[in-house]
Amino acid sequence: MKFGALQRRVKRCEQVMAVRLGETQDSWDMLSQAWRRGWSPLRIVVVGLASGFVVGKLEVPGKVNGARWLQMVGSVSNLFASAQAAFATAMAAQAAAEADDAGEAADDAEQAAAQAATATTAPAAAPRPTPAPAAAPAVDPVGPRPAEAATELSER
């Protein structure tokens, strides 16, 4: 294959991937909404009672007791909570990167507009001093803890 044909093929595959990524995100959003709507308080109580009954009937004396089941459920819920916090942290980092990119693009556009304005003014005009950039806030090198990243109320 020629190089141009390979480039077109890659571009077409990238476009297909972008469309499929959007479709997947839409499907995931619909699934998560349906999942959340499906878990009403009554259903949660019924599932808890049913699972407690099944665990009680299947319990082998001496092998697994109620305390171990509670410990396992607590561990699994902590696993899901930490995964959700990690996902929220990653999304926050991505949003921050996009905001930085947008800020840089705005700065570039502002500088280009200022240069265009000075080019159209009289050559005898003195150049305007550019304001010094504001000091950047101190960045926490450790980053937010998972619980802080998972909440919108974090003040960091």
N, C-alpha and C. Protein backbone atom coordinates (compact mmCIF):
# COMPACT_ATOMS: atom_id res chain seq x y z
N MET A 1 0.83 -1.18 0.00
CA MET A 1 0.00 0.00 0.00
C MET A 1 0.88 1.24 0.00
N LYS A 2 0.35 2.26 -0.58
CA LYS A 2 1.08 3.52 -0.60
C LYS A 2 0.85 4.27 0.68
N PHE A 3 1.74 5.20 0.94
CA PHE A 3 1.69 5.95 2.21
C PHE A 3 0.40 6.77 2.33
N GLY A 4 -0.01 7.39 1.25
CA GLY A 4 -1.25 8.19 1.27
C GLY A 4 -2.47 7.33 1.59
N ALA A 5 -2.51 6.12 1.01
CA ALA A 5 -3.63 5.21 1.28
C ALA A 5 -3.63 4.78 2.74
N LEU A 6 -2.45 4.55 3.29
CA LEU A 6 -2.35 4.19 4.71
C LEU A 6 -2.82 5.34 5.60
N GLN A 7 -2.45 6.56 5.24
CA GLN A 7 -2.89 7.71 6.03
C GLN A 7 -4.42 7.84 5.99
N ARG A 8 -5.01 7.66 4.81
CA ARG A 8 -6.48 7.75 4.71
C ARG A 8 -7.14 6.64 5.54
N ARG A 9 -6.55 5.46 5.49
CA ARG A 9 -7.12 4.34 6.25
C ARG A 9 -7.04 4.61 7.75
N VAL A 10 -5.92 5.13 8.21
CA VAL A 10 -5.76 5.45 9.63
C VAL A 10 -6.75 6.54 10.04
N LYS A 11 -6.89 7.57 9.21
CA LYS A 11 -7.82 8.66 9.52
C LYS A 11 -9.25 8.13 9.60
N ARG A 12 -9.62 7.25 8.67
CA ARG A 12 -10.97 6.68 8.68
C ARG A 12 -11.18 5.83 9.92
N CYS A 13 -10.19 5.05 10.30
CA CYS A 13 -10.30 4.24 11.52
C CYS A 13 -10.41 5.11 12.77
N GLU A 14 -9.68 6.22 12.80
CA GLU A 14 -9.78 7.13 13.93
C GLU A 14 -11.17 7.74 14.03
N GLN A 15 -11.75 8.08 12.88
CA GLN A 15 -13.11 8.64 12.88
C GLN A 15 -14.12 7.61 13.36
N VAL A 16 -13.98 6.38 12.91
CA VAL A 16 -14.87 5.31 13.35
C VAL A 16 -14.74 5.10 14.85
N MET A 17 -13.51 5.13 15.35
CA MET A 17 -13.29 4.95 16.78
C MET A 17 -13.92 6.09 17.57
N ALA A 18 -13.83 7.32 17.08
CA ALA A 18 -14.43 8.45 17.78
C ALA A 18 -15.94 8.31 17.85
N VAL A 19 -16.56 7.86 16.76
CA VAL A 19 -18.01 7.66 16.75
C VAL A 19 -18.39 6.55 17.73
N ARG A 20 -17.64 5.45 17.69
CA ARG A 20 -17.95 4.33 18.60
C ARG A 20 -17.73 4.71 20.05
N LEU A 21 -16.74 5.54 20.31
CA LEU A 21 -16.50 6.00 21.67
C LEU A 21 -17.68 6.82 22.17
N GLY A 22 -18.20 7.69 21.33
CA GLY A 22 -19.39 8.47 21.70
C GLY A 22 -20.59 7.59 21.94
N GLU A 23 -20.80 6.59 21.07
CA GLU A 23 -21.92 5.67 21.26
C GLU A 23 -21.77 4.88 22.55
N THR A 24 -20.56 4.45 22.85
CA THR A 24 -20.32 3.70 24.08
C THR A 24 -20.59 4.57 25.29
N GLN A 25 -20.16 5.81 25.26
CA GLN A 25 -20.40 6.72 26.38
C GLN A 25 -21.89 6.95 26.57
N ASP A 26 -22.63 7.13 25.48
CA ASP A 26 -24.08 7.31 25.57
C ASP A 26 -24.75 6.08 26.16
N SER A 27 -24.32 4.90 25.71
CA SER A 27 -24.90 3.66 26.24
C SER A 27 -24.59 3.51 27.72
N TRP A 28 -23.37 3.85 28.10
CA TRP A 28 -22.98 3.75 29.52
C TRP A 28 -23.81 4.70 30.37
N ASP A 29 -24.03 5.91 29.88
CA ASP A 29 -24.85 6.87 30.62
C ASP A 29 -26.27 6.36 30.79
N MET A 30 -26.84 5.80 29.73
CA MET A 30 -28.20 5.26 29.82
C MET A 30 -28.27 4.10 30.80
N LEU A 31 -27.26 3.22 30.77
CA LEU A 31 -27.23 2.08 31.68
C LEU A 31 -27.12 2.54 33.13
N SER A 32 -26.25 3.51 33.40
CA SER A 32 -26.08 3.97 34.78
C SER A 32 -27.34 4.66 35.28
N GLN A 33 -28.03 5.40 34.43
CA GLN A 33 -29.29 6.03 34.85
C GLN A 33 -30.35 4.98 35.14
N ALA A 34 -30.47 3.97 34.28
CA ALA A 34 -31.44 2.91 34.51
C ALA A 34 -31.11 2.13 35.78
N TRP A 35 -29.83 1.90 36.02
CA TRP A 35 -29.40 1.17 37.22
C TRP A 35 -29.77 1.96 38.47
N ARG A 36 -29.51 3.26 38.47
CA ARG A 36 -29.83 4.08 39.64
C ARG A 36 -31.33 4.19 39.87
N ARG A 37 -32.10 4.30 38.79
CA ARG A 37 -33.55 4.38 38.94
C ARG A 37 -34.11 3.05 39.45
N GLY A 38 -33.47 1.95 39.09
CA GLY A 38 -33.97 0.63 39.46
C GLY A 38 -33.83 0.31 40.94
N TRP A 39 -32.88 0.93 41.61
CA TRP A 39 -32.64 0.61 43.02
C TRP A 39 -33.42 1.56 43.92
N SER A 40 -34.68 1.21 44.12
CA SER A 40 -35.50 1.97 45.06
C SER A 40 -35.23 1.44 46.47
N PRO A 41 -35.57 2.20 47.51
CA PRO A 41 -35.33 1.73 48.88
C PRO A 41 -36.00 0.39 49.18
N LEU A 42 -37.20 0.18 48.67
CA LEU A 42 -37.88 -1.09 48.92
C LEU A 42 -37.11 -2.25 48.30
N ARG A 43 -36.62 -2.06 47.10
CA ARG A 43 -35.85 -3.13 46.44
C ARG A 43 -34.56 -3.42 47.20
N ILE A 44 -33.92 -2.39 47.71
CA ILE A 44 -32.68 -2.59 48.47
C ILE A 44 -32.96 -3.43 49.71
N VAL A 45 -34.06 -3.13 50.41
CA VAL A 45 -34.41 -3.88 51.63
C VAL A 45 -34.74 -5.33 51.27
N VAL A 46 -35.51 -5.54 50.20
CA VAL A 46 -35.89 -6.89 49.81
C VAL A 46 -34.66 -7.70 49.42
N VAL A 47 -33.76 -7.13 48.66
CA VAL A 47 -32.54 -7.84 48.27
C VAL A 47 -31.69 -8.15 49.49
N GLY A 48 -31.59 -7.22 50.44
CA GLY A 48 -30.84 -7.47 51.67
C GLY A 48 -31.43 -8.60 52.48
N LEU A 49 -32.74 -8.62 52.61
CA LEU A 49 -33.39 -9.70 53.36
C LEU A 49 -33.21 -11.04 52.66
N ALA A 50 -33.39 -11.06 51.33
CA ALA A 50 -33.24 -12.30 50.58
C ALA A 50 -31.80 -12.82 50.65
N SER A 51 -30.83 -11.94 50.50
CA SER A 51 -29.44 -12.40 50.56
C SER A 51 -29.08 -12.86 51.97
N GLY A 52 -29.62 -12.20 52.98
CA GLY A 52 -29.38 -12.66 54.35
C GLY A 52 -29.97 -14.03 54.60
N PHE A 53 -31.15 -14.28 54.06
CA PHE A 53 -31.78 -15.59 54.21
C PHE A 53 -30.96 -16.67 53.51
N VAL A 54 -30.52 -16.37 52.27
CA VAL A 54 -29.73 -17.35 51.52
C VAL A 54 -28.41 -17.64 52.22
N VAL A 55 -27.75 -16.61 52.70
CA VAL A 55 -26.47 -16.80 53.40
C VAL A 55 -26.69 -17.61 54.67
N GLY A 56 -27.79 -17.35 55.38
CA GLY A 56 -28.08 -18.11 56.59
C GLY A 56 -28.35 -19.57 56.31
N LYS A 57 -29.04 -19.87 55.22
CA LYS A 57 -29.34 -21.26 54.86
C LYS A 57 -28.11 -22.00 54.35
N LEU A 58 -27.25 -21.30 53.63
CA LEU A 58 -26.08 -21.94 53.04
C LEU A 58 -24.87 -21.97 53.97
N GLU A 59 -25.00 -21.39 55.14
CA GLU A 59 -23.85 -21.27 56.04
C GLU A 59 -23.42 -22.66 56.52
N VAL A 60 -22.16 -22.95 56.33
CA VAL A 60 -21.58 -24.19 56.80
C VAL A 60 -21.00 -23.91 58.18
N PRO A 61 -21.43 -24.64 59.20
CA PRO A 61 -20.95 -24.35 60.56
C PRO A 61 -19.43 -24.45 60.63
N GLY A 62 -18.84 -23.44 61.21
CA GLY A 62 -17.39 -23.43 61.43
C GLY A 62 -16.59 -22.88 60.27
N LYS A 63 -17.10 -22.92 59.06
CA LYS A 63 -16.33 -22.45 57.90
C LYS A 63 -16.45 -20.93 57.74
N VAL A 64 -17.66 -20.45 57.54
CA VAL A 64 -17.88 -19.03 57.30
C VAL A 64 -19.01 -18.57 58.21
N ASN A 65 -18.73 -17.62 59.08
CA ASN A 65 -19.78 -17.12 59.95
C ASN A 65 -20.23 -15.73 59.50
N GLY A 66 -21.22 -15.19 60.18
CA GLY A 66 -21.79 -13.90 59.80
C GLY A 66 -20.78 -12.77 59.83
N ALA A 67 -19.85 -12.80 60.79
CA ALA A 67 -18.86 -11.74 60.90
C ALA A 67 -17.94 -11.73 59.68
N ARG A 68 -17.60 -12.89 59.19
CA ARG A 68 -16.73 -12.96 58.00
C ARG A 68 -17.47 -12.44 56.77
N TRP A 69 -18.76 -12.73 56.65
CA TRP A 69 -19.53 -12.21 55.53
C TRP A 69 -19.58 -10.69 55.58
N LEU A 70 -19.80 -10.15 56.77
CA LEU A 70 -19.83 -8.69 56.90
C LEU A 70 -18.48 -8.08 56.57
N GLN A 71 -17.42 -8.76 56.98
CA GLN A 71 -16.07 -8.27 56.68
C GLN A 71 -15.85 -8.27 55.16
N MET A 72 -16.29 -9.34 54.49
CA MET A 72 -16.12 -9.42 53.05
C MET A 72 -16.94 -8.34 52.34
N VAL A 73 -18.18 -8.13 52.76
CA VAL A 73 -19.01 -7.10 52.15
C VAL A 73 -18.39 -5.72 52.36
N GLY A 74 -17.86 -5.47 53.56
CA GLY A 74 -17.20 -4.19 53.82
C GLY A 74 -15.98 -3.99 52.94
N SER A 75 -15.21 -5.05 52.75
CA SER A 75 -14.02 -4.95 51.90
C SER A 75 -14.40 -4.67 50.44
N VAL A 76 -15.42 -5.35 49.96
CA VAL A 76 -15.84 -5.14 48.57
C VAL A 76 -16.38 -3.72 48.39
N SER A 77 -17.15 -3.23 49.37
CA SER A 77 -17.68 -1.87 49.24
C SER A 77 -16.55 -0.84 49.29
N ASN A 78 -15.53 -1.08 50.10
CA ASN A 78 -14.37 -0.18 50.12
C ASN A 78 -13.63 -0.21 48.78
N LEU A 79 -13.56 -1.38 48.18
CA LEU A 79 -12.91 -1.50 46.87
C LEU A 79 -13.65 -0.66 45.83
N PHE A 80 -14.97 -0.76 45.80
CA PHE A 80 -15.75 0.03 44.85
C PHE A 80 -15.64 1.52 45.14
N ALA A 81 -15.64 1.89 46.42
CA ALA A 81 -15.54 3.31 46.77
C ALA A 81 -14.20 3.88 46.33
N SER A 82 -13.12 3.13 46.53
CA SER A 82 -11.81 3.64 46.13
C SER A 82 -11.68 3.70 44.61
N ALA A 83 -12.29 2.75 43.90
CA ALA A 83 -12.27 2.79 42.44
C ALA A 83 -13.05 4.01 41.94
N GLN A 84 -14.17 4.29 42.57
CA GLN A 84 -14.96 5.46 42.17
C GLN A 84 -14.20 6.75 42.45
N ALA A 85 -13.50 6.80 43.58
CA ALA A 85 -12.70 7.98 43.90
C ALA A 85 -11.55 8.15 42.91
N ALA A 86 -10.91 7.05 42.53
CA ALA A 86 -9.83 7.13 41.55
C ALA A 86 -10.36 7.62 40.20
N PHE A 87 -11.54 7.16 39.82
CA PHE A 87 -12.14 7.61 38.57
C PHE A 87 -12.46 9.10 38.63
N ALA A 88 -12.99 9.54 39.77
CA ALA A 88 -13.30 10.97 39.93
C ALA A 88 -12.03 11.81 39.88
N THR A 89 -10.95 11.31 40.45
CA THR A 89 -9.68 12.01 40.42
C THR A 89 -9.16 12.13 38.98
N ALA A 90 -9.27 11.04 38.24
CA ALA A 90 -8.81 11.07 36.85
C ALA A 90 -9.64 12.04 36.02
N MET A 91 -10.94 12.06 36.23
CA MET A 91 -11.80 12.99 35.50
C MET A 91 -11.49 14.43 35.87
N ALA A 92 -11.20 14.67 37.16
CA ALA A 92 -10.85 16.03 37.58
C ALA A 92 -9.53 16.48 36.96
N ALA A 93 -8.58 15.56 36.89
CA ALA A 93 -7.29 15.89 36.27
C ALA A 93 -7.47 16.19 34.78
N GLN A 94 -8.33 15.41 34.11
CA GLN A 94 -8.59 15.66 32.70
C GLN A 94 -9.26 17.01 32.50
N ALA A 95 -10.22 17.34 33.35
CA ALA A 95 -10.90 18.63 33.25
C ALA A 95 -9.93 19.78 33.50
N ALA A 96 -9.03 19.59 34.46
CA ALA A 96 -8.03 20.62 34.73
C ALA A 96 -7.10 20.81 33.53
N ALA A 97 -6.71 19.72 32.90
CA ALA A 97 -5.84 19.82 31.72
C ALA A 97 -6.56 20.54 30.58
N GLU A 98 -7.85 20.23 30.39
CA GLU A 98 -8.61 20.90 29.34
C GLU A 98 -8.76 22.39 29.65
N ALA A 99 -8.95 22.72 30.93
CA ALA A 99 -9.06 24.13 31.31
C ALA A 99 -7.74 24.86 31.07
N ASP A 100 -6.63 24.20 31.37
CA ASP A 100 -5.32 24.80 31.10
C ASP A 100 -5.13 25.04 29.61
N ASP A 101 -5.51 24.06 28.80
CA ASP A 101 -5.39 24.22 27.35
C ASP A 101 -6.25 25.37 26.84
N ALA A 102 -7.46 25.47 27.37
CA ALA A 102 -8.35 26.55 26.96
C ALA A 102 -7.78 27.90 27.40
N GLY A 103 -7.19 27.95 28.59
CA GLY A 103 -6.58 29.19 29.06
C GLY A 103 -5.41 29.60 28.20
N GLU A 104 -4.59 28.63 27.81
CA GLU A 104 -3.45 28.94 26.95
C GLU A 104 -3.93 29.43 25.58
N ALA A 105 -4.98 28.82 25.06
CA ALA A 105 -5.51 29.24 23.77
C ALA A 105 -6.06 30.66 23.86
N ALA A 106 -6.72 30.97 24.98
CA ALA A 106 -7.24 32.32 25.17
C ALA A 106 -6.10 33.33 25.28
N ASP A 107 -5.04 32.97 25.98
CA ASP A 107 -3.88 33.85 26.09
C ASP A 107 -3.25 34.09 24.72
N ASP A 108 -3.12 33.03 23.93
CA ASP A 108 -2.54 33.17 22.60
C ASP A 108 -3.41 34.08 21.72
N ALA A 109 -4.72 33.91 21.82
CA ALA A 109 -5.62 34.75 21.02
C ALA A 109 -5.54 36.21 21.48
N GLU A 110 -5.41 36.42 22.77
CA GLU A 110 -5.30 37.77 23.31
C GLU A 110 -4.01 38.44 22.83
N GLN A 111 -2.92 37.67 22.84
CA GLN A 111 -1.65 38.22 22.37
C GLN A 111 -1.70 38.53 20.88
N ALA A 112 -2.33 37.66 20.12
CA ALA A 112 -2.44 37.90 18.68
C ALA A 112 -3.29 39.14 18.41
N ALA A 113 -4.35 39.32 19.17
CA ALA A 113 -5.20 40.50 19.00
C ALA A 113 -4.43 41.77 19.38
N ALA A 114 -3.63 41.68 20.43
CA ALA A 114 -2.85 42.84 20.85
C ALA A 114 -1.80 43.19 19.80
N GLN A 115 -1.17 42.18 19.21
CA GLN A 115 -0.18 42.44 18.17
C GLN A 115 -0.84 43.03 16.93
N ALA A 116 -2.03 42.54 16.61
CA ALA A 116 -2.73 43.08 15.45
C ALA A 116 -3.14 44.52 15.70
N ALA A 117 -3.53 44.83 16.93
CA ALA A 117 -3.93 46.20 17.26
C ALA A 117 -2.73 47.13 17.21
N THR A 118 -1.57 46.71 17.68
CA THR A 118 -0.38 47.56 17.65
C THR A 118 0.13 47.73 16.22
N ALA A 119 -0.10 46.72 15.38
CA ALA A 119 0.37 46.81 14.00
C ALA A 119 -0.48 47.81 13.22
N THR A 120 -1.75 47.96 13.57
CA THR A 120 -2.61 48.88 12.85
C THR A 120 -2.52 50.31 13.38
N THR A 121 -1.96 50.51 14.57
CA THR A 121 -1.82 51.87 15.11
C THR A 121 -0.60 52.54 14.50
N ALA A 122 -0.46 53.82 14.80
CA ALA A 122 0.66 54.60 14.27
C ALA A 122 1.98 54.05 14.78
N PRO A 123 3.04 54.09 13.96
CA PRO A 123 4.32 53.55 14.39
C PRO A 123 4.95 54.38 15.51
N ALA A 124 4.55 55.64 15.68
CA ALA A 124 5.14 56.47 16.72
C ALA A 124 4.59 56.14 18.10
N ALA A 125 3.53 55.37 18.16
CA ALA A 125 2.93 55.04 19.45
C ALA A 125 3.86 54.13 20.24
N ALA A 126 3.94 54.38 21.52
CA ALA A 126 4.81 53.58 22.38
C ALA A 126 4.13 52.24 22.66
N PRO A 127 4.92 51.18 22.70
CA PRO A 127 4.31 49.86 22.99
C PRO A 127 3.79 49.83 24.43
N ARG A 128 2.66 49.16 24.60
CA ARG A 128 2.08 49.04 25.93
C ARG A 128 2.80 47.94 26.71
N PRO A 129 3.09 48.21 27.97
CA PRO A 129 3.70 47.14 28.76
C PRO A 129 2.65 46.07 29.07
N THR A 130 3.06 44.83 28.96
CA THR A 130 2.13 43.75 29.28
C THR A 130 2.13 43.54 30.78
N PRO A 131 0.97 43.30 31.36
CA PRO A 131 0.92 43.08 32.81
C PRO A 131 1.63 41.78 33.19
N ALA A 132 2.23 41.82 34.35
CA ALA A 132 2.93 40.62 34.83
C ALA A 132 1.90 39.57 35.18
N PRO A 133 2.19 38.31 34.87
CA PRO A 133 1.22 37.26 35.20
C PRO A 133 1.06 37.13 36.71
N ALA A 134 -0.15 36.82 37.12
CA ALA A 134 -0.42 36.66 38.56
C ALA A 134 0.31 35.42 39.06
N ALA A 135 0.68 35.49 40.31
CA ALA A 135 1.39 34.35 40.91
C ALA A 135 0.46 33.16 40.96
N ALA A 136 0.95 32.03 40.56
CA ALA A 136 0.15 30.81 40.56
C ALA A 136 -0.06 30.35 42.00
N PRO A 137 -1.25 29.82 42.31
CA PRO A 137 -1.47 29.33 43.67
C PRO A 137 -0.58 28.13 43.94
N ALA A 138 -0.28 27.95 45.19
CA ALA A 138 0.58 26.83 45.58
C ALA A 138 -0.14 25.52 45.28
N VAL A 139 0.56 24.61 44.61
CA VAL A 139 -0.02 23.34 44.24
C VAL A 139 0.39 22.30 45.27
N ASP A 140 -0.57 21.53 45.71
CA ASP A 140 -0.30 20.49 46.68
C ASP A 140 0.36 19.32 45.95
N PRO A 141 1.63 18.99 46.26
CA PRO A 141 2.31 17.94 45.51
C PRO A 141 1.70 16.56 45.77
N VAL A 142 1.02 16.39 46.88
CA VAL A 142 0.47 15.08 47.22
C VAL A 142 -0.82 14.83 46.45
N GLY A 143 -1.62 15.87 46.24
CA GLY A 143 -2.89 15.72 45.55
C GLY A 143 -3.99 15.43 46.54
N PRO A 144 -5.22 15.43 46.08
CA PRO A 144 -6.32 15.21 47.00
C PRO A 144 -6.42 13.74 47.41
N ARG A 145 -6.92 13.55 48.60
CA ARG A 145 -7.17 12.19 49.05
C ARG A 145 -8.38 11.67 48.30
N PRO A 146 -8.56 10.33 48.22
CA PRO A 146 -9.68 9.79 47.45
C PRO A 146 -11.03 10.31 47.91
N ALA A 147 -11.22 10.48 49.21
CA ALA A 147 -12.51 10.96 49.69
C ALA A 147 -12.75 12.41 49.25
N GLU A 148 -11.70 13.21 49.22
CA GLU A 148 -11.84 14.60 48.78
C GLU A 148 -12.09 14.68 47.29
N ALA A 149 -11.46 13.81 46.54
CA ALA A 149 -11.63 13.84 45.09
C ALA A 149 -13.04 13.39 44.70
N ALA A 150 -13.66 12.56 45.53
CA ALA A 150 -14.97 12.02 45.20
C ALA A 150 -16.09 13.00 45.53
N THR A 151 -15.81 14.02 46.29
CA THR A 151 -16.87 14.97 46.66
C THR A 151 -16.68 16.28 45.94
N GLU A 152 -17.79 16.96 45.72
CA GLU A 152 -17.72 18.27 45.09
C GLU A 152 -17.52 19.35 46.12
N LEU A 153 -17.56 18.98 47.40
CA LEU A 153 -17.46 19.95 48.47
C LEU A 153 -16.02 20.18 48.93
N SER A 154 -15.08 19.52 48.27
CA SER A 154 -13.69 19.66 48.66
C SER A 154 -13.23 21.09 48.45
N GLU A 155 -12.51 21.62 49.43
CA GLU A 155 -12.07 23.00 49.34
C GLU A 155 -10.63 23.11 48.84
N ARG A 156 -10.02 22.02 48.47
CA ARG A 156 -8.64 22.06 47.99
C ARG A 156 -8.60 22.55 46.59
